[in-house]
N, C-alpha and C. Protein backbone atom coordinates (compact mmCIF):
# COMPACT_ATOMS: atom_id res chain seq x y z
N MET A 1 -18.18 -11.13 4.03
CA MET A 1 -16.96 -11.37 4.57
C MET A 1 -16.02 -11.97 3.43
N ILE A 2 -14.74 -11.52 3.71
CA ILE A 2 -13.55 -12.28 2.71
C ILE A 2 -12.62 -13.18 3.65
N GLU A 3 -12.45 -14.03 3.05
CA GLU A 3 -11.32 -14.86 3.72
C GLU A 3 -10.14 -14.86 3.44
N ASP A 4 -9.02 -15.13 4.22
CA ASP A 4 -7.73 -15.05 3.87
C ASP A 4 -7.24 -16.19 3.13
N ILE A 5 -6.08 -16.35 2.29
CA ILE A 5 -5.63 -17.36 1.68
C ILE A 5 -5.59 -18.57 2.38
N THR A 6 -5.45 -18.63 3.66
CA THR A 6 -5.68 -20.01 4.52
C THR A 6 -7.00 -20.47 4.69
N GLY A 7 -8.01 -19.56 4.73
CA GLY A 7 -9.36 -19.77 4.98
C GLY A 7 -9.59 -19.95 6.35
N LYS A 8 -8.62 -19.34 7.27
CA LYS A 8 -8.90 -19.44 8.65
C LYS A 8 -9.33 -18.19 9.36
N LYS A 9 -9.10 -16.87 8.48
CA LYS A 9 -9.32 -15.54 8.82
C LYS A 9 -10.32 -15.02 7.99
N GLU A 10 -11.23 -14.26 8.74
CA GLU A 10 -12.17 -13.51 7.69
C GLU A 10 -12.31 -12.09 8.10
N VAL A 11 -12.51 -11.38 7.14
CA VAL A 11 -12.56 -9.61 7.55
C VAL A 11 -13.95 -9.13 6.72
N LYS A 12 -14.50 -8.27 7.35
CA LYS A 12 -15.59 -7.64 6.68
C LYS A 12 -14.95 -6.80 5.18
N ALA A 13 -15.66 -7.16 4.05
CA ALA A 13 -15.40 -6.41 2.91
C ALA A 13 -15.24 -4.97 2.78
N ILE A 14 -16.24 -4.30 3.77
CA ILE A 14 -16.16 -3.04 3.88
C ILE A 14 -14.75 -2.43 4.57
N GLU A 15 -13.98 -3.31 5.59
CA GLU A 15 -12.96 -3.04 5.89
C GLU A 15 -11.90 -2.83 5.02
N VAL A 16 -12.03 -3.91 4.06
CA VAL A 16 -10.78 -4.19 3.03
C VAL A 16 -10.66 -2.90 1.96
N PHE A 17 -11.92 -2.46 1.53
CA PHE A 17 -12.21 -1.45 0.61
C PHE A 17 -11.88 -0.18 1.50
N LYS A 18 -12.35 -0.03 2.69
CA LYS A 18 -11.89 1.33 3.47
C LYS A 18 -10.36 1.44 3.33
N HIS A 19 -9.80 0.36 3.88
CA HIS A 19 -8.12 0.56 3.82
C HIS A 19 -7.43 0.72 2.52
N ALA A 20 -8.16 0.41 1.42
CA ALA A 20 -7.52 0.34 0.11
C ALA A 20 -7.78 1.74 -0.37
N ILE A 21 -8.90 2.43 0.05
CA ILE A 21 -9.23 3.80 -0.43
C ILE A 21 -8.45 4.62 0.53
N LYS A 22 -8.17 4.44 1.68
CA LYS A 22 -7.55 5.34 2.36
C LYS A 22 -6.05 5.37 2.16
N TYR A 23 -5.52 4.26 1.65
CA TYR A 23 -4.29 4.09 0.89
C TYR A 23 -3.85 4.99 -0.18
N PHE A 24 -4.68 5.05 -0.94
CA PHE A 24 -4.58 5.79 -2.26
C PHE A 24 -5.02 7.08 -1.74
N ARG A 25 -5.77 7.55 -1.07
CA ARG A 25 -5.99 9.09 -0.38
C ARG A 25 -4.86 9.47 -0.02
N ASP A 26 -4.23 8.73 1.03
CA ASP A 26 -3.10 9.20 1.96
C ASP A 26 -1.78 9.48 0.79
N LEU A 27 -1.84 8.45 0.08
CA LEU A 27 -0.76 8.57 -1.12
C LEU A 27 -0.59 9.68 -1.94
N MET A 28 -2.12 9.92 -2.30
CA MET A 28 -2.29 11.24 -3.03
C MET A 28 -1.99 12.54 -2.43
N LEU A 29 -2.46 12.47 -1.19
CA LEU A 29 -2.23 13.75 -0.40
C LEU A 29 -0.77 13.99 0.03
N SER A 30 -0.11 12.94 0.33
CA SER A 30 1.57 13.02 0.77
C SER A 30 2.10 13.57 -0.65
N THR A 31 1.76 12.98 -1.87
CA THR A 31 2.59 13.28 -3.15
C THR A 31 2.45 14.87 -3.45
N ILE A 32 1.02 15.39 -3.07
CA ILE A 32 0.72 16.62 -3.30
C ILE A 32 1.73 17.80 -2.25
N ASP A 33 1.65 17.00 -0.96
CA ASP A 33 2.43 17.81 0.01
C ASP A 33 4.10 17.77 -0.31
N LYS A 34 4.57 16.72 -0.95
CA LYS A 34 6.01 16.66 -1.32
C LYS A 34 6.31 17.43 -2.36
N LYS A 35 5.41 17.65 -3.32
CA LYS A 35 5.78 18.54 -4.50
C LYS A 35 5.45 20.09 -4.04
N GLY A 36 4.95 20.13 -2.97
CA GLY A 36 4.84 21.68 -2.62
C GLY A 36 3.71 22.33 -3.39
N LEU A 37 2.76 21.52 -3.67
CA LEU A 37 1.50 21.99 -4.37
C LEU A 37 0.57 22.84 -3.58
N CYS A 38 0.72 22.97 -2.25
CA CYS A 38 -0.44 23.64 -1.50
C CYS A 38 -1.71 23.61 -1.92
N VAL A 39 -2.20 22.39 -2.32
CA VAL A 39 -3.70 21.92 -2.71
C VAL A 39 -4.15 21.50 -1.32
N LYS A 40 -5.28 22.20 -0.77
CA LYS A 40 -6.30 21.75 0.16
C LYS A 40 -7.17 20.53 -0.34
N GLU A 41 -7.33 19.79 0.55
CA GLU A 41 -8.04 18.37 0.48
C GLU A 41 -9.51 18.92 -0.22
N ASN A 42 -10.11 20.13 0.73
CA ASN A 42 -11.63 20.33 0.22
C ASN A 42 -11.46 20.98 -1.29
N ASN A 43 -10.55 21.22 -2.04
CA ASN A 43 -10.42 21.47 -3.28
C ASN A 43 -10.13 20.26 -4.19
N ILE A 44 -10.28 19.28 -3.78
CA ILE A 44 -10.02 17.94 -4.30
C ILE A 44 -11.37 17.20 -4.78
N ARG A 45 -11.53 16.89 -5.88
CA ARG A 45 -12.71 16.16 -6.12
C ARG A 45 -12.07 14.68 -6.46
N TRP A 46 -12.65 13.92 -5.42
CA TRP A 46 -12.12 12.33 -5.45
C TRP A 46 -13.17 11.51 -6.41
N VAL A 47 -12.61 10.51 -7.10
CA VAL A 47 -13.35 9.81 -8.19
C VAL A 47 -13.10 8.20 -7.98
N LEU A 48 -13.91 7.75 -7.58
CA LEU A 48 -14.04 6.11 -7.41
C LEU A 48 -14.37 5.57 -8.72
N THR A 49 -13.66 4.93 -9.43
CA THR A 49 -14.32 4.49 -10.68
C THR A 49 -14.74 2.95 -10.30
N VAL A 50 -15.90 2.53 -10.82
CA VAL A 50 -16.48 1.24 -10.56
C VAL A 50 -16.90 0.48 -11.95
N PRO A 51 -16.93 -0.90 -11.90
CA PRO A 51 -17.44 -1.51 -13.15
C PRO A 51 -18.83 -1.02 -13.34
N ALA A 52 -19.26 -0.77 -14.73
CA ALA A 52 -20.57 -0.24 -15.03
C ALA A 52 -21.75 -1.36 -14.85
N ILE A 53 -21.25 -2.71 -14.71
CA ILE A 53 -22.16 -3.56 -14.55
C ILE A 53 -22.69 -3.48 -12.87
N TRP A 54 -21.88 -2.95 -12.12
CA TRP A 54 -22.24 -2.91 -10.57
C TRP A 54 -23.42 -2.20 -10.21
N SER A 55 -24.21 -2.81 -9.25
CA SER A 55 -25.47 -2.39 -8.83
C SER A 55 -25.49 -1.15 -8.24
N ASP A 56 -26.78 -0.55 -8.04
CA ASP A 56 -26.72 0.53 -7.14
C ASP A 56 -26.33 0.21 -5.70
N PRO A 57 -26.49 -0.97 -5.15
CA PRO A 57 -26.34 -1.21 -3.73
C PRO A 57 -24.86 -1.38 -3.81
N ALA A 58 -24.03 -1.79 -4.93
CA ALA A 58 -22.78 -1.96 -4.68
C ALA A 58 -21.79 -0.77 -4.70
N LYS A 59 -22.49 0.30 -5.61
CA LYS A 59 -22.01 1.79 -5.66
C LYS A 59 -21.96 2.37 -4.33
N GLN A 60 -23.28 2.09 -3.83
CA GLN A 60 -23.51 2.56 -2.46
C GLN A 60 -22.59 2.19 -1.26
N PHE A 61 -22.19 0.79 -1.25
CA PHE A 61 -20.97 0.19 -0.65
C PHE A 61 -19.82 1.04 -0.64
N MET A 62 -19.30 1.27 -1.82
CA MET A 62 -18.12 1.93 -2.07
C MET A 62 -18.31 3.44 -1.55
N THR A 63 -19.19 3.83 -1.47
CA THR A 63 -19.34 5.34 -0.84
C THR A 63 -19.40 5.29 0.37
N GLU A 64 -20.06 4.35 1.18
CA GLU A 64 -19.91 4.04 2.38
C GLU A 64 -18.57 3.97 2.85
N ALA A 65 -17.63 2.97 2.04
CA ALA A 65 -16.29 2.69 2.54
C ALA A 65 -15.39 3.93 2.59
N ALA A 66 -15.64 4.77 1.46
CA ALA A 66 -15.06 5.96 1.23
C ALA A 66 -15.62 6.89 2.49
N GLY A 67 -16.88 7.21 3.10
CA GLY A 67 -17.21 7.69 4.35
C GLY A 67 -16.27 7.44 5.43
N LEU A 68 -16.12 5.99 5.71
CA LEU A 68 -15.10 5.44 6.84
C LEU A 68 -13.93 6.03 6.81
N VAL A 69 -13.44 6.56 5.58
CA VAL A 69 -12.05 7.17 5.51
C VAL A 69 -11.95 8.45 5.85
N SER A 70 -13.19 9.08 6.44
CA SER A 70 -13.28 10.63 6.51
C SER A 70 -13.08 11.52 5.52
N MET A 71 -13.52 10.72 4.21
CA MET A 71 -13.53 11.64 3.01
C MET A 71 -14.61 12.54 3.16
N ASP A 72 -14.63 13.76 2.71
CA ASP A 72 -16.07 14.36 2.38
C ASP A 72 -16.61 14.09 1.36
N LEU A 73 -17.77 13.40 1.57
CA LEU A 73 -18.58 12.61 0.34
C LEU A 73 -19.04 13.81 -0.64
N ARG A 74 -19.21 15.24 -0.18
CA ARG A 74 -19.44 16.13 -0.91
C ARG A 74 -18.62 16.23 -2.10
N HIS A 75 -17.49 15.94 -1.97
CA HIS A 75 -16.31 15.96 -3.04
C HIS A 75 -16.00 14.65 -3.69
N LEU A 76 -16.87 13.33 -3.49
CA LEU A 76 -16.67 12.26 -4.07
C LEU A 76 -17.64 11.92 -5.14
N HIS A 77 -17.18 11.45 -6.11
CA HIS A 77 -18.08 11.11 -7.41
C HIS A 77 -17.69 9.52 -7.82
N ILE A 78 -18.88 8.68 -7.74
CA ILE A 78 -18.42 7.40 -8.37
C ILE A 78 -18.79 7.36 -9.65
N ASN A 79 -17.97 6.83 -10.27
CA ASN A 79 -17.96 6.74 -12.05
C ASN A 79 -18.06 5.24 -12.49
N ALA A 80 -19.08 4.84 -12.94
CA ALA A 80 -19.17 3.61 -13.61
C ALA A 80 -18.73 3.67 -15.15
N SER A 81 -17.68 2.80 -15.37
CA SER A 81 -17.11 2.77 -16.58
C SER A 81 -17.22 1.25 -17.06
């Protein structure tokens, strides 16, 4: 759980990451559309970069968060750097 700055409200961490991933996914798809590039989402390879020191469960957490955004996980790569 992640607390807000007041410490009064909590939200699940996966919800925070889900919304962040969704924001950037939607922004990218919107930009592609505005530029008239005619790229279909199934032709995009999505890459989530995470710190190299993250454990395998933490990387799995990011994969699960991306799955909640309705991303095709076959087109998702987790890059540890």
